[in-house]
Structure formats: structure tokens, C-alpha cells
Amino acid sequence: MLNSLDDRDGLIWLDGELLPWREARLHVLTHALHMGGAVFEGMRAYGGHVFLNAPHLERFQQSAALLDYHLPWSQGELTQAIEAVLWANQLDDAYIRPVAWRGAESVSIASPRARIHVAIAAWDWPTAASQGRAEEGIRLQLASWRRPRPDTAPTAAKCSGLYMIGTLARHAAAAAGCDDALLLDSEGRVAETTATNLLMVHDGVLVTPLPTCFLDGITKRHVMGLARQRGLRVEERTVTLDELRAASEVFTAGTSVELQPVVALVEDAATTEWPVGPVTRQLIQDFRASVTEASQVGRTLREQETGLLERRPWPARVASALQAP
């Protein structure tokens, strides 16, 4: 039975207030529910330290702007709200989900005056690495669905409407016994998986597809930096399916999974297999080292904090919610 996300203890930040988890609900006529216009982020905290906080919140704001609305909270206020959510829920290591959407004032396609709501939830979502399974590989199915052209959808936005493509592709992959799906772009070139960026080792070079029609992943960018620190040559360019098949190693990168080796691509006619190679293993270790460092920083700061609620410049409504019995 699924561990339902809507029925658990805890607090969720909604429009400046910390509400009991089960009370953070929407009206059925919420605009985003009908029109797919919510934007969101996936973030992680390690030891209470929010990893890559600034680029995630910058993208959150940019995604809203691409969908023609403005978040009513600054990046600094959102950072404080995330800290409040982690503190209130007594979370050190957590997955964090900020989300914004147009409200229920109207369900017309054009609803520029609908209120913009923002919520932040956080919960325990272990990664394979945190469970000692970092080098377990996944199998991808080549999806029939493709990523849309950037002139047909706001592909640089992390918005709910675009994720239906991934949902359908992931359902089909699961039905075929695979873990995830590989999506191509409209020209038949390699794009990404349903929720992570793809990287491969080809002739000793770390290669990742140009993000022309999908998200320019923040975790991927971090991994590219780690690879360069190792002296690896890194290329971001168009990638053909034949090049992917000929790769010596393949892995994915994303906040939810961190780094995950890919061991097979299942197509109608054939299956391509890859080993979990030395570059993938090294970058997994380097990534874990970077989050371990972040965790140590977070835990040190937590240990130094005393009288947090009295001294912290929380937004007023957040502070009152935290201090409420």
C-alpha cells in the first residue's frame, strides 16, 4: 500500500503560514489543476543545509516568470521559509518541494488576476546512495513520447503541465519492466529521462545533451563541475541515439536520485547494455563527498544555533506559526 503523501504528521508552509500537513489543501477549481500552470522545484537538505539553494530558487522564480506570473515572496524569504519548514518538521536530511500556482478565482484560460499561491513541503525521501545502493544501475525504455520543441511550450520552465509527458513515458516503462524512460527531442536526438538529465562517457569525454527542449539541470551542472575538477573533458552538445548506444558508460543526474548509473536501454529491436564504469563510480563518490561536506556545514551551524526562533529574522507570519503551541 502506498504511503500517502496527504495523510501524515508535520507542517507545510502555505502562503506564509505553517499549517498542519493534512490541512494544506486546494479547491477543486484551482486554475493550475485545470490548466497545468503550476511551477515547482525539487531540492535536498543534507544535515539541515539546503544544497544548491540559490540556483534552485532562481529557477523557481524564472519558471514562474515564463508562465507569466510573479512569485509574491523574494528569494531570501523563500530561503527562510524552507529553513522554517525543516526546523518545524525536525528534518536534517530531506527532500524539499516548493510549488507555486494560480488560485481558484477563475478557471478561464486567461486568468492574470488569479492569486498566486506558494507552498513548501519537506519530507524524508532516501536516495539509493544514502541506502548504500549508489552503484545499482537502472534500465531505460526508449519512449514513444518526445520532448516538445521550445517554440511550442515553455520548455525551460519546471512546470506541471510538461511533466505529463514524463508520467506517460514512466508508466509505459514500468509496464515493460524498466525503471525509467529515455525521451528524444522532436528531431529524434537524445534529450533526457522522465525527470533527470543524461550523461555519457564517449571516447573518454563526458558528454551531455544540449538542454534545448528540457531543463538545464542544476545537479547536472554540479556534476559537470566535479568532472572538470577531475581533469575530465566535458562537452555539452547534440547527441544521437547511435552515439548513446556506443557510449562506454551512461548515468543520470537529478536532485531526487543524485547520480544513478544506467545499465541498459531497451528498444523494440534490441537492448544496449553498459557497465557501471570508473568515471561513473568516481563521480558518484565525488558527489557524495560534496553533499557530505554540505551536511557537515549544516550540522555545525545547527549546533551553534541557540534561541533560534528568538534571534532568527523569520517572516513575521512564519515566526508566529513556529512559536504557536
C-alpha atoms as a PDB file:
ATOM      1  CA  MET A   1       0.000   0.000   0.000  1.00  0.00           C
ATOM      2  CA  LEU A   2       1.262   3.485  -0.857  1.00  0.00           C
ATOM      3  CA  ASN A   3       2.456   5.711   1.956  1.00  0.00           C
ATOM      4  CA  SER A   4       0.078   8.547   1.109  1.00  0.00           C
ATOM      5  CA  LEU A   5       1.669  11.976   0.994  1.00  0.00           C
ATOM      6  CA  ASP A   6      -1.572  13.685   2.015  1.00  0.00           C
ATOM      7  CA  ASP A   7      -2.018  11.765   5.268  1.00  0.00           C
ATOM      8  CA  ARG A   8       0.936  12.246   7.577  1.00  0.00           C
ATOM      9  CA  ASP A   9       2.068  14.330  10.514  1.00  0.00           C
ATOM     10  CA  GLY A  10       4.052  17.509  10.048  1.00  0.00           C
ATOM     11  CA  LEU A  11       3.731  21.094   8.872  1.00  0.00           C
ATOM     12  CA  ILE A  12       3.590  22.629   5.394  1.00  0.00           C
ATOM     13  CA  TRP A  13       4.328  26.277   4.652  1.00  0.00           C
ATOM     14  CA  LEU A  14       1.469  27.791   2.639  1.00  0.00           C
ATOM     15  CA  ASP A  15       1.367  31.475   1.736  1.00  0.00           C
ATOM     16  CA  GLY A  16       3.398  32.449   4.773  1.00  0.00           C
ATOM     17  CA  GLU A  17       1.678  30.219   7.326  1.00  0.00           C
ATOM     18  CA  LEU A  18       2.775  26.861   8.685  1.00  0.00           C
ATOM     19  CA  LEU A  19      -0.277  24.616   8.521  1.00  0.00           C
ATOM     20  CA  PRO A  20      -0.833  21.088   9.809  1.00  0.00           C
ATOM     21  CA  TRP A  21       0.109  18.750   6.963  1.00  0.00           C
ATOM     22  CA  ARG A  22      -3.402  17.386   6.410  1.00  0.00           C
ATOM     23  CA  GLU A  23      -4.920  20.886   6.213  1.00  0.00           C
ATOM     24  CA  ALA A  24      -2.764  22.097   3.305  1.00  0.00           C
ATOM     25  CA  ARG A  25      -5.376  21.549   0.582  1.00  0.00           C
ATOM     26  CA  LEU A  26      -6.625  23.201  -2.622  1.00  0.00           C
ATOM     27  CA  HIS A  27     -10.041  23.972  -4.040  1.00  0.00           C
ATOM     28  CA  VAL A  28     -11.138  21.729  -6.911  1.00  0.00           C
ATOM     29  CA  LEU A  29     -11.468  24.779  -9.188  1.00  0.00           C
ATOM     30  CA  THR A  30      -7.867  25.846  -8.724  1.00  0.00           C
ATOM     31  CA  HIS A  31      -6.642  27.224 -12.049  1.00  0.00           C
ATOM     32  CA  ALA A  32      -3.407  25.219 -12.087  1.00  0.00           C
ATOM     33  CA  LEU A  33      -5.298  21.965 -11.539  1.00  0.00           C
ATOM     34  CA  HIS A  34      -7.167  22.539 -14.804  1.00  0.00           C
ATOM     35  CA  MET A  35      -4.577  24.373 -16.908  1.00  0.00           C
ATOM     36  CA  GLY A  36      -1.303  22.765 -15.786  1.00  0.00           C
ATOM     37  CA  GLY A  37       0.273  26.056 -14.777  1.00  0.00           C
ATOM     38  CA  ALA A  38       1.986  25.177 -11.505  1.00  0.00           C
ATOM     39  CA  VAL A  39       5.748  25.588 -11.216  1.00  0.00           C
ATOM     40  CA  PHE A  40       7.883  23.770  -8.697  1.00  0.00           C
ATOM     41  CA  GLU A  41      11.365  22.786  -7.595  1.00  0.00           C
ATOM     42  CA  GLY A  42      12.949  19.677  -6.148  1.00  0.00           C
ATOM     43  CA  MET A  43      15.654  20.400  -3.588  1.00  0.00           C
ATOM     44  CA  ARG A  44      17.536  18.479  -0.921  1.00  0.00           C
ATOM     45  CA  ALA A  45      18.833  19.285   2.536  1.00  0.00           C
ATOM     46  CA  TYR A  46      21.804  17.448   3.969  1.00  0.00           C
ATOM     47  CA  GLY A  47      22.401  17.886   7.686  1.00  0.00           C
ATOM     48  CA  GLY A  48      19.985  20.810   7.622  1.00  0.00           C
ATOM     49  CA  HIS A  49      21.955  22.562   4.852  1.00  0.00           C
ATOM     50  CA  VAL A  50      19.936  23.206   1.691  1.00  0.00           C
ATOM     51  CA  PHE A  51      22.138  22.024  -1.167  1.00  0.00           C
ATOM     52  CA  LEU A  52      22.459  24.392  -4.155  1.00  0.00           C
ATOM     53  CA  ASN A  53      19.721  26.564  -2.682  1.00  0.00           C
ATOM     54  CA  ALA A  54      20.319  29.718  -4.737  1.00  0.00           C
ATOM     55  CA  PRO A  55      20.213  28.201  -8.256  1.00  0.00           C
ATOM     56  CA  HIS A  56      17.102  26.212  -7.372  1.00  0.00           C
ATOM     57  CA  LEU A  57      15.219  29.263  -6.105  1.00  0.00           C
ATOM     58  CA  GLU A  58      16.421  31.331  -9.067  1.00  0.00           C
ATOM     59  CA  ARG A  59      14.973  28.723 -11.417  1.00  0.00           C
ATOM     60  CA  PHE A  60      11.772  28.639  -9.356  1.00  0.00           C
ATOM     61  CA  GLN A  61      11.343  32.372  -9.932  1.00  0.00           C
ATOM     62  CA  GLN A  62      12.311  32.096 -13.601  1.00  0.00           C
ATOM     63  CA  SER A  63       9.808  29.287 -14.160  1.00  0.00           C
ATOM     64  CA  ALA A  64       7.029  31.454 -12.741  1.00  0.00           C
ATOM     65  CA  ALA A  65       8.070  34.337 -14.993  1.00  0.00           C
ATOM     66  CA  LEU A  66       7.979  32.052 -18.039  1.00  0.00           C
ATOM     67  CA  LEU A  67       4.386  31.196 -17.110  1.00  0.00           C
ATOM     68  CA  ASP A  68       3.576  34.907 -16.839  1.00  0.00           C
ATOM     69  CA  TYR A  69       3.348  35.362 -13.099  1.00  0.00           C
ATOM     70  CA  HIS A  70       5.475  36.703 -10.288  1.00  0.00           C
ATOM     71  CA  LEU A  71       6.123  34.948  -7.004  1.00  0.00           C
ATOM     72  CA  PRO A  72       4.954  37.125  -4.093  1.00  0.00           C
ATOM     73  CA  TRP A  73       7.958  36.079  -1.993  1.00  0.00           C
ATOM     74  CA  SER A  74      11.591  37.036  -2.524  1.00  0.00           C
ATOM     75  CA  GLN A  75      14.389  34.505  -2.783  1.00  0.00           C
ATOM     76  CA  GLY A  76      15.535  35.476   0.698  1.00  0.00           C
ATOM     77  CA  GLU A  77      12.062  34.978   2.152  1.00  0.00           C
ATOM     78  CA  LEU A  78      11.717  31.613   0.436  1.00  0.00           C
ATOM     79  CA  THR A  79      15.087  30.563   1.855  1.00  0.00           C
ATOM     80  CA  GLN A  80      13.870  31.476   5.336  1.00  0.00           C
ATOM     81  CA  ALA A  81      10.618  29.632   4.748  1.00  0.00           C
ATOM     82  CA  ILE A  82      12.495  26.477   3.720  1.00  0.00           C
ATOM     83  CA  GLU A  83      14.611  26.715   6.859  1.00  0.00           C
ATOM     84  CA  ALA A  84      11.441  27.135   8.910  1.00  0.00           C
ATOM     85  CA  VAL A  85       9.878  24.039   7.335  1.00  0.00           C
ATOM     86  CA  LEU A  86      12.969  21.949   8.026  1.00  0.00           C
ATOM     87  CA  TRP A  87      13.152  23.217  11.599  1.00  0.00           C
ATOM     88  CA  ALA A  88       9.444  22.799  12.323  1.00  0.00           C
ATOM     89  CA  ASN A  89       9.456  19.229  10.996  1.00  0.00           C
ATOM     90  CA  GLN A  90      12.749  18.354  12.735  1.00  0.00           C
ATOM     91  CA  LEU A  91      14.331  17.338   9.438  1.00  0.00           C
ATOM     92  CA  ASP A  92      18.060  17.261   8.762  1.00  0.00           C
ATOM     93  CA  ASP A  93      18.179  15.168   5.571  1.00  0.00           C
ATOM     94  CA  ALA A  94      15.112  15.837   3.457  1.00  0.00           C
ATOM     95  CA  TYR A  95      13.611  16.324   0.034  1.00  0.00           C
ATOM     96  CA  ILE A  96      12.084  19.800  -0.336  1.00  0.00           C
ATOM     97  CA  ARG A  97       9.268  20.731  -2.720  1.00  0.00           C
ATOM     98  CA  PRO A  98       8.461  24.424  -3.275  1.00  0.00           C
ATOM     99  CA  VAL A  99       5.457  24.853  -5.570  1.00  0.00           C
ATOM    100  CA  ALA A 100       3.529  27.875  -6.880  1.00  0.00           C
ATOM    101  CA  TRP A 101       0.250  28.147  -8.760  1.00  0.00           C
ATOM    102  CA  ARG A 102      -2.663  30.339  -9.803  1.00  0.00           C
ATOM    103  CA  GLY A 103      -5.633  30.009  -7.485  1.00  0.00           C
ATOM    104  CA  ALA A 104      -9.359  29.386  -7.835  1.00  0.00           C
ATOM    105  CA  GLU A 105     -10.525  32.930  -8.587  1.00  0.00           C
ATOM    106  CA  SER A 106     -11.035  31.848 -12.200  1.00  0.00           C
ATOM    107  CA  VAL A 107     -10.632  28.816 -14.425  1.00  0.00           C
ATOM    108  CA  SER A 108     -10.619  30.855 -17.624  1.00  0.00           C
ATOM    109  CA  ILE A 109      -7.598  30.200 -19.788  1.00  0.00           C
ATOM    110  CA  ALA A 110      -6.569  33.829 -19.304  1.00  0.00           C
ATOM    111  CA  SER A 111      -6.597  34.478 -15.551  1.00  0.00           C
ATOM    112  CA  PRO A 112      -3.997  37.192 -14.950  1.00  0.00           C
ATOM    113  CA  ARG A 113      -5.689  38.371 -11.744  1.00  0.00           C
ATOM    114  CA  ALA A 114      -5.829  34.980 -10.060  1.00  0.00           C
ATOM    115  CA  ARG A 115      -3.953  34.934  -6.772  1.00  0.00           C
ATOM    116  CA  ILE A 116      -0.505  33.336  -6.831  1.00  0.00           C
ATOM    117  CA  HIS A 117      -0.045  30.807  -4.044  1.00  0.00           C
ATOM    118  CA  VAL A 118       3.251  29.355  -2.823  1.00  0.00           C
ATOM    119  CA  ALA A 119       3.735  26.265  -0.670  1.00  0.00           C
ATOM    120  CA  ILE A 120       6.787  24.442   0.652  1.00  0.00           C
ATOM    121  CA  ALA A 121       6.783  20.869   1.925  1.00  0.00           C
ATOM    122  CA  ALA A 122       9.690  18.708   3.068  1.00  0.00           C
ATOM    123  CA  TRP A 123       9.892  15.050   3.942  1.00  0.00           C
ATOM    124  CA  ASP A 124      12.269  12.137   4.303  1.00  0.00           C
ATOM    125  CA  TRP A 125      12.996  10.644   0.858  1.00  0.00           C
ATOM    126  CA  PRO A 126      16.147   8.489   0.981  1.00  0.00           C
ATOM    127  CA  THR A 127      18.354   8.191  -2.092  1.00  0.00           C
ATOM    128  CA  ALA A 128      19.948   4.984  -3.322  1.00  0.00           C
ATOM    129  CA  ALA A 129      23.309   6.318  -2.157  1.00  0.00           C
ATOM    130  CA  SER A 130      22.074   7.020   1.358  1.00  0.00           C
ATOM    131  CA  GLN A 131      20.888   3.408   1.497  1.00  0.00           C
ATOM    132  CA  GLY A 132      24.205   2.024   0.245  1.00  0.00           C
ATOM    133  CA  ARG A 133      22.870   1.296  -3.267  1.00  0.00           C
ATOM    134  CA  ALA A 134      24.590   4.085  -5.209  1.00  0.00           C
ATOM    135  CA  GLU A 135      26.015   1.785  -7.874  1.00  0.00           C
ATOM    136  CA  GLU A 136      22.829  -0.123  -8.635  1.00  0.00           C
ATOM    137  CA  GLY A 137      22.048   0.534 -12.270  1.00  0.00           C
ATOM    138  CA  ILE A 138      18.700   1.268 -13.872  1.00  0.00           C
ATOM    139  CA  ARG A 139      17.159   0.107 -17.140  1.00  0.00           C
ATOM    140  CA  LEU A 140      15.651   2.649 -19.518  1.00  0.00           C
ATOM    141  CA  GLN A 141      12.988   2.073 -22.142  1.00  0.00           C
ATOM    142  CA  LEU A 142      13.129   4.196 -25.285  1.00  0.00           C
ATOM    143  CA  ALA A 143       9.914   6.206 -25.025  1.00  0.00           C
ATOM    144  CA  SER A 144       7.465   6.776 -27.838  1.00  0.00           C
ATOM    145  CA  TRP A 145       6.753  10.240 -26.410  1.00  0.00           C
ATOM    146  CA  ARG A 146       9.125  13.088 -27.258  1.00  0.00           C
ATOM    147  CA  ARG A 147      10.091  16.373 -25.692  1.00  0.00           C
ATOM    148  CA  PRO A 148       8.350  19.310 -27.395  1.00  0.00           C
ATOM    149  CA  ARG A 149      10.161  21.974 -29.361  1.00  0.00           C
ATOM    150  CA  PRO A 150      10.962  25.146 -27.386  1.00  0.00           C
ATOM    151  CA  ASP A 151       8.719  27.175 -29.694  1.00  0.00           C
ATOM    152  CA  THR A 152       5.714  25.009 -28.754  1.00  0.00           C
ATOM    153  CA  ALA A 153       5.993  25.078 -24.941  1.00  0.00           C
ATOM    154  CA  PRO A 154       7.962  26.867 -22.179  1.00  0.00           C
ATOM    155  CA  THR A 155      10.472  24.029 -22.009  1.00  0.00           C
ATOM    156  CA  ALA A 156      12.889  25.958 -19.763  1.00  0.00           C
ATOM    157  CA  ALA A 157      10.243  26.122 -17.021  1.00  0.00           C
ATOM    158  CA  LYS A 158       9.858  23.422 -14.411  1.00  0.00           C
ATOM    159  CA  CYS A 159       6.086  23.391 -14.767  1.00  0.00           C
ATOM    160  CA  SER A 160       3.484  20.765 -14.018  1.00  0.00           C
ATOM    161  CA  GLY A 161       1.926  20.638 -17.476  1.00  0.00           C
ATOM    162  CA  LEU A 162       5.125  19.441 -19.136  1.00  0.00           C
ATOM    163  CA  TYR A 163       5.580  16.631 -16.631  1.00  0.00           C
ATOM    164  CA  MET A 164       2.599  14.705 -18.012  1.00  0.00           C
ATOM    165  CA  ILE A 165       4.909  13.604 -20.843  1.00  0.00           C
ATOM    166  CA  GLY A 166       7.231  12.072 -18.285  1.00  0.00           C
ATOM    167  CA  THR A 167       4.354  10.481 -16.396  1.00  0.00           C
ATOM    168  CA  LEU A 168       3.096   8.701 -19.505  1.00  0.00           C
ATOM    169  CA  ALA A 169       6.594   7.591 -20.512  1.00  0.00           C
ATOM    170  CA  ARG A 170       7.378   6.322 -16.998  1.00  0.00           C
ATOM    171  CA  HIS A 171       4.104   4.372 -16.850  1.00  0.00           C
ATOM    172  CA  ALA A 172       4.924   2.679 -20.156  1.00  0.00           C
ATOM    173  CA  ALA A 173       8.460   1.895 -18.994  1.00  0.00           C
ATOM    174  CA  ALA A 174       7.214   0.350 -15.765  1.00  0.00           C
ATOM    175  CA  ALA A 175       4.744  -1.793 -17.697  1.00  0.00           C
ATOM    176  CA  ALA A 176       7.687  -3.054 -19.786  1.00  0.00           C
ATOM    177  CA  GLY A 177       9.713  -3.937 -16.699  1.00  0.00           C
ATOM    178  CA  CYS A 178      12.045  -0.926 -16.898  1.00  0.00           C
ATOM    179  CA  ASP A 179      12.906   1.648 -14.256  1.00  0.00           C
ATOM    180  CA  ASP A 180      12.596   4.800 -16.341  1.00  0.00           C
ATOM    181  CA  ALA A 181      12.318   6.038 -19.908  1.00  0.00           C
ATOM    182  CA  LEU A 182      14.626   7.833 -22.313  1.00  0.00           C
ATOM    183  CA  LEU A 183      12.963  10.627 -24.251  1.00  0.00           C
ATOM    184  CA  LEU A 184      14.190  12.011 -27.556  1.00  0.00           C
ATOM    185  CA  ASP A 185      13.621  15.520 -28.869  1.00  0.00           C
ATOM    186  CA  SER A 186      11.403  16.359 -31.829  1.00  0.00           C
ATOM    187  CA  GLU A 187      14.314  15.671 -34.216  1.00  0.00           C
ATOM    188  CA  GLY A 188      14.990  12.211 -32.800  1.00  0.00           C
ATOM    189  CA  ARG A 189      18.084  13.193 -30.822  1.00  0.00           C
ATOM    190  CA  VAL A 190      18.749  12.200 -27.211  1.00  0.00           C
ATOM    191  CA  ALA A 191      17.081  14.516 -24.688  1.00  0.00           C
ATOM    192  CA  GLU A 192      16.697  13.240 -21.113  1.00  0.00           C
ATOM    193  CA  THR A 193      14.849  10.751 -18.927  1.00  0.00           C
ATOM    194  CA  THR A 194      11.449  11.492 -17.433  1.00  0.00           C
ATOM    195  CA  ALA A 195      12.880  13.544 -14.557  1.00  0.00           C
ATOM    196  CA  THR A 196      16.692  13.532 -14.789  1.00  0.00           C
ATOM    197  CA  ASN A 197      19.452  14.615 -17.135  1.00  0.00           C
ATOM    198  CA  LEU A 198      21.502  12.056 -19.029  1.00  0.00           C
ATOM    199  CA  LEU A 199      25.299  11.972 -19.187  1.00  0.00           C
ATOM    200  CA  MET A 200      27.555   9.525 -21.006  1.00  0.00           C
ATOM    201  CA  VAL A 201      31.239   8.760 -21.407  1.00  0.00           C
ATOM    202  CA  HIS A 202      32.160   8.653 -25.100  1.00  0.00           C
ATOM    203  CA  ASP A 203      35.790   8.243 -26.212  1.00  0.00           C
ATOM    204  CA  GLY A 204      36.935   9.338 -22.752  1.00  0.00           C
ATOM    205  CA  VAL A 205      34.854  12.537 -22.828  1.00  0.00           C
ATOM    206  CA  LEU A 206      31.903  13.251 -20.535  1.00  0.00           C
ATOM    207  CA  VAL A 207      29.065  14.267 -22.855  1.00  0.00           C
ATOM    208  CA  THR A 208      25.578  15.538 -22.066  1.00  0.00           C
ATOM    209  CA  PRO A 209      22.861  16.730 -24.480  1.00  0.00           C
ATOM    210  CA  LEU A 210      22.279  20.448 -25.004  1.00  0.00           C
ATOM    211  CA  PRO A 211      19.190  21.470 -22.984  1.00  0.00           C
ATOM    212  CA  THR A 212      17.352  22.959 -25.947  1.00  0.00           C
ATOM    213  CA  CYS A 213      13.953  21.475 -25.085  1.00  0.00           C
ATOM    214  CA  PHE A 214      14.275  20.355 -21.468  1.00  0.00           C
ATOM    215  CA  LEU A 215      15.532  21.608 -18.121  1.00  0.00           C
ATOM    216  CA  ASP A 216      19.151  22.614 -17.729  1.00  0.00           C
ATOM    217  CA  GLY A 217      19.627  20.503 -14.630  1.00  0.00           C
ATOM    218  CA  ILE A 218      21.200  22.038 -11.538  1.00  0.00           C
ATOM    219  CA  THR A 219      22.535  18.706 -10.294  1.00  0.00           C
ATOM    220  CA  LYS A 220      23.915  18.025 -13.784  1.00  0.00           C
ATOM    221  CA  ARG A 221      25.743  21.366 -13.740  1.00  0.00           C
ATOM    222  CA  HIS A 222      27.259  20.490 -10.378  1.00  0.00           C
ATOM    223  CA  VAL A 223      28.409  17.120 -11.710  1.00  0.00           C
ATOM    224  CA  MET A 224      29.959  18.757 -14.777  1.00  0.00           C
ATOM    225  CA  GLY A 225      31.969  20.948 -12.423  1.00  0.00           C
ATOM    226  CA  LEU A 226      33.107  17.928 -10.426  1.00  0.00           C
ATOM    227  CA  ALA A 227      34.189  16.216 -13.646  1.00  0.00           C
ATOM    228  CA  ARG A 228      36.259  19.219 -14.725  1.00  0.00           C
ATOM    229  CA  GLN A 229      37.930  19.266 -11.305  1.00  0.00           C
ATOM    230  CA  ARG A 230      38.980  15.683 -12.057  1.00  0.00           C
ATOM    231  CA  GLY A 231      40.549  16.835 -15.315  1.00  0.00           C
ATOM    232  CA  LEU A 232      37.845  15.288 -17.473  1.00  0.00           C
ATOM    233  CA  ARG A 233      36.914  16.922 -20.739  1.00  0.00           C
ATOM    234  CA  VAL A 234      33.221  17.838 -20.675  1.00  0.00           C
ATOM    235  CA  GLU A 235      31.073  18.534 -23.738  1.00  0.00           C
ATOM    236  CA  GLU A 236      27.504  19.749 -23.955  1.00  0.00           C
ATOM    237  CA  ARG A 237      26.202  19.144 -27.476  1.00  0.00           C
ATOM    238  CA  THR A 238      23.628  17.335 -29.538  1.00  0.00           C
ATOM    239  CA  VAL A 239      23.759  13.577 -29.026  1.00  0.00           C
ATOM    240  CA  THR A 240      22.437  10.994 -31.457  1.00  0.00           C
ATOM    241  CA  LEU A 241      20.924   7.702 -30.422  1.00  0.00           C
ATOM    242  CA  ASP A 242      23.769   5.876 -32.170  1.00  0.00           C
ATOM    243  CA  GLU A 243      26.313   7.823 -30.101  1.00  0.00           C
ATOM    244  CA  LEU A 244      24.494   6.876 -26.930  1.00  0.00           C
ATOM    245  CA  ARG A 245      24.470   3.224 -27.929  1.00  0.00           C
ATOM    246  CA  ALA A 246      28.244   3.426 -28.496  1.00  0.00           C
ATOM    247  CA  ALA A 247      28.973   5.044 -25.114  1.00  0.00           C
ATOM    248  CA  SER A 248      31.202   3.248 -22.623  1.00  0.00           C
ATOM    249  CA  GLU A 249      29.255   4.488 -19.575  1.00  0.00           C
ATOM    250  CA  VAL A 250      25.898   6.174 -19.029  1.00  0.00           C
ATOM    251  CA  PHE A 251      24.356   7.710 -15.924  1.00  0.00           C
ATOM    252  CA  THR A 252      21.667  10.170 -14.902  1.00  0.00           C
ATOM    253  CA  ALA A 253      21.769  13.172 -12.585  1.00  0.00           C
ATOM    254  CA  GLY A 254      18.956  14.849 -10.697  1.00  0.00           C
ATOM    255  CA  THR A 255      18.025  16.097  -7.251  1.00  0.00           C
ATOM    256  CA  SER A 256      15.742  13.194  -6.435  1.00  0.00           C
ATOM    257  CA  VAL A 257      18.182  10.425  -7.441  1.00  0.00           C
ATOM    258  CA  GLU A 258      21.522  12.285  -7.169  1.00  0.00           C
ATOM    259  CA  LEU A 259      23.638  10.190  -9.600  1.00  0.00           C
ATOM    260  CA  GLN A 260      22.352   6.887 -10.930  1.00  0.00           C
ATOM    261  CA  PRO A 261      24.136   4.513 -13.344  1.00  0.00           C
ATOM    262  CA  VAL A 262      22.248   3.341 -16.430  1.00  0.00           C
ATOM    263  CA  VAL A 263      22.964  -0.277 -17.358  1.00  0.00           C
ATOM    264  CA  ALA A 264      20.548  -0.841 -20.250  1.00  0.00           C
ATOM    265  CA  LEU A 265      18.466   0.845 -22.937  1.00  0.00           C
ATOM    266  CA  VAL A 266      15.553  -1.294 -24.078  1.00  0.00           C
ATOM    267  CA  GLU A 267      14.270  -0.687 -27.601  1.00  0.00           C
ATOM    268  CA  ASP A 268      11.836  -2.634 -29.753  1.00  0.00           C
ATOM    269  CA  ALA A 269      14.556  -4.325 -31.799  1.00  0.00           C
ATOM    270  CA  ALA A 270      17.439  -4.619 -29.359  1.00  0.00           C
ATOM    271  CA  THR A 271      18.808  -3.840 -25.919  1.00  0.00           C
ATOM    272  CA  THR A 272      22.052  -1.933 -25.365  1.00  0.00           C
ATOM    273  CA  GLU A 273      23.903  -2.615 -22.129  1.00  0.00           C
ATOM    274  CA  TRP A 274      26.607  -0.654 -20.306  1.00  0.00           C
ATOM    275  CA  PRO A 275      28.766  -1.406 -17.273  1.00  0.00           C
ATOM    276  CA  VAL A 276      28.904   0.780 -14.188  1.00  0.00           C
ATOM    277  CA  GLY A 277      32.264   2.211 -15.203  1.00  0.00           C
ATOM    278  CA  PRO A 278      35.121   4.010 -13.445  1.00  0.00           C
ATOM    279  CA  VAL A 279      34.060   7.540 -14.382  1.00  0.00           C
ATOM    280  CA  THR A 280      30.551   6.969 -13.073  1.00  0.00           C
ATOM    281  CA  ARG A 281      31.881   5.447  -9.859  1.00  0.00           C
ATOM    282  CA  GLN A 282      34.315   8.319  -9.311  1.00  0.00           C
ATOM    283  CA  LEU A 283      31.695  10.997  -9.903  1.00  0.00           C
ATOM    284  CA  ILE A 284      29.266   9.258  -7.550  1.00  0.00           C
ATOM    285  CA  GLN A 285      31.986   9.334  -4.887  1.00  0.00           C
ATOM    286  CA  ASP A 286      32.780  12.983  -5.613  1.00  0.00           C
ATOM    287  CA  PHE A 287      29.124  13.945  -5.466  1.00  0.00           C
ATOM    288  CA  ARG A 288      28.657  12.148  -2.155  1.00  0.00           C
ATOM    289  CA  ALA A 289      31.755  13.922  -0.827  1.00  0.00           C
ATOM    290  CA  SER A 290      30.265  17.286  -1.784  1.00  0.00           C
ATOM    291  CA  VAL A 291      26.961  16.578  -0.048  1.00  0.00           C
ATOM    292  CA  THR A 292      28.782  15.165   2.975  1.00  0.00           C
ATOM    293  CA  GLU A 293      30.668  18.445   3.223  1.00  0.00           C
ATOM    294  CA  ALA A 294      27.378  20.332   2.953  1.00  0.00           C
ATOM    295  CA  SER A 295      25.909  18.111   5.654  1.00  0.00           C
ATOM    296  CA  GLN A 296      28.813  18.810   7.995  1.00  0.00           C
ATOM    297  CA  VAL A 297      28.412  22.551   7.451  1.00  0.00           C
ATOM    298  CA  GLY A 298      24.698  22.284   8.160  1.00  0.00           C
ATOM    299  CA  ARG A 299      25.146  20.263  11.327  1.00  0.00           C
ATOM    300  CA  THR A 300      27.817  22.656  12.614  1.00  0.00           C
ATOM    301  CA  LEU A 301      25.524  25.627  12.070  1.00  0.00           C
ATOM    302  CA  ARG A 302      22.671  23.823  13.796  1.00  0.00           C
ATOM    303  CA  GLU A 303      24.855  23.052  16.784  1.00  0.00           C
ATOM    304  CA  GLN A 304      25.833  26.719  17.034  1.00  0.00           C
ATOM    305  CA  GLU A 305      22.238  27.929  16.953  1.00  0.00           C
ATOM    306  CA  THR A 306      20.631  28.645  20.301  1.00  0.00           C
ATOM    307  CA  GLY A 307      17.393  30.525  20.816  1.00  0.00           C
ATOM    308  CA  LEU A 308      16.814  30.158  17.079  1.00  0.00           C
ATOM    309  CA  LEU A 309      13.229  31.421  16.986  1.00  0.00           C
ATOM    310  CA  GLU A 310      14.025  34.487  19.067  1.00  0.00           C
ATOM    311  CA  ARG A 311      17.052  35.572  17.021  1.00  0.00           C
ATOM    312  CA  ARG A 312      16.201  34.394  13.519  1.00  0.00           C
ATOM    313  CA  PRO A 313      14.662  37.043  11.219  1.00  0.00           C
ATOM    314  CA  TRP A 314      11.795  34.807  10.121  1.00  0.00           C
ATOM    315  CA  PRO A 315       8.970  36.397   8.128  1.00  0.00           C
ATOM    316  CA  ALA A 316       6.529  37.529  10.842  1.00  0.00           C
ATOM    317  CA  ARG A 317       3.784  35.044   9.999  1.00  0.00           C
ATOM    318  CA  VAL A 318       6.279  32.184   9.905  1.00  0.00           C
ATOM    319  CA  ALA A 319       7.693  33.150  13.292  1.00  0.00           C
ATOM    320  CA  SER A 320       4.254  33.271  14.879  1.00  0.00           C
ATOM    321  CA  ALA A 321       3.384  29.884  13.418  1.00  0.00           C
ATOM    322  CA  LEU A 322       6.613  28.359  14.697  1.00  0.00           C
ATOM    323  CA  GLN A 323       6.008  29.725  18.180  1.00  0.00           C
ATOM    324  CA  ALA A 324       2.395  28.566  18.307  1.00  0.00           C
ATOM    325  CA  PRO A 325       1.705  25.606  20.628  1.00  0.00           C
END
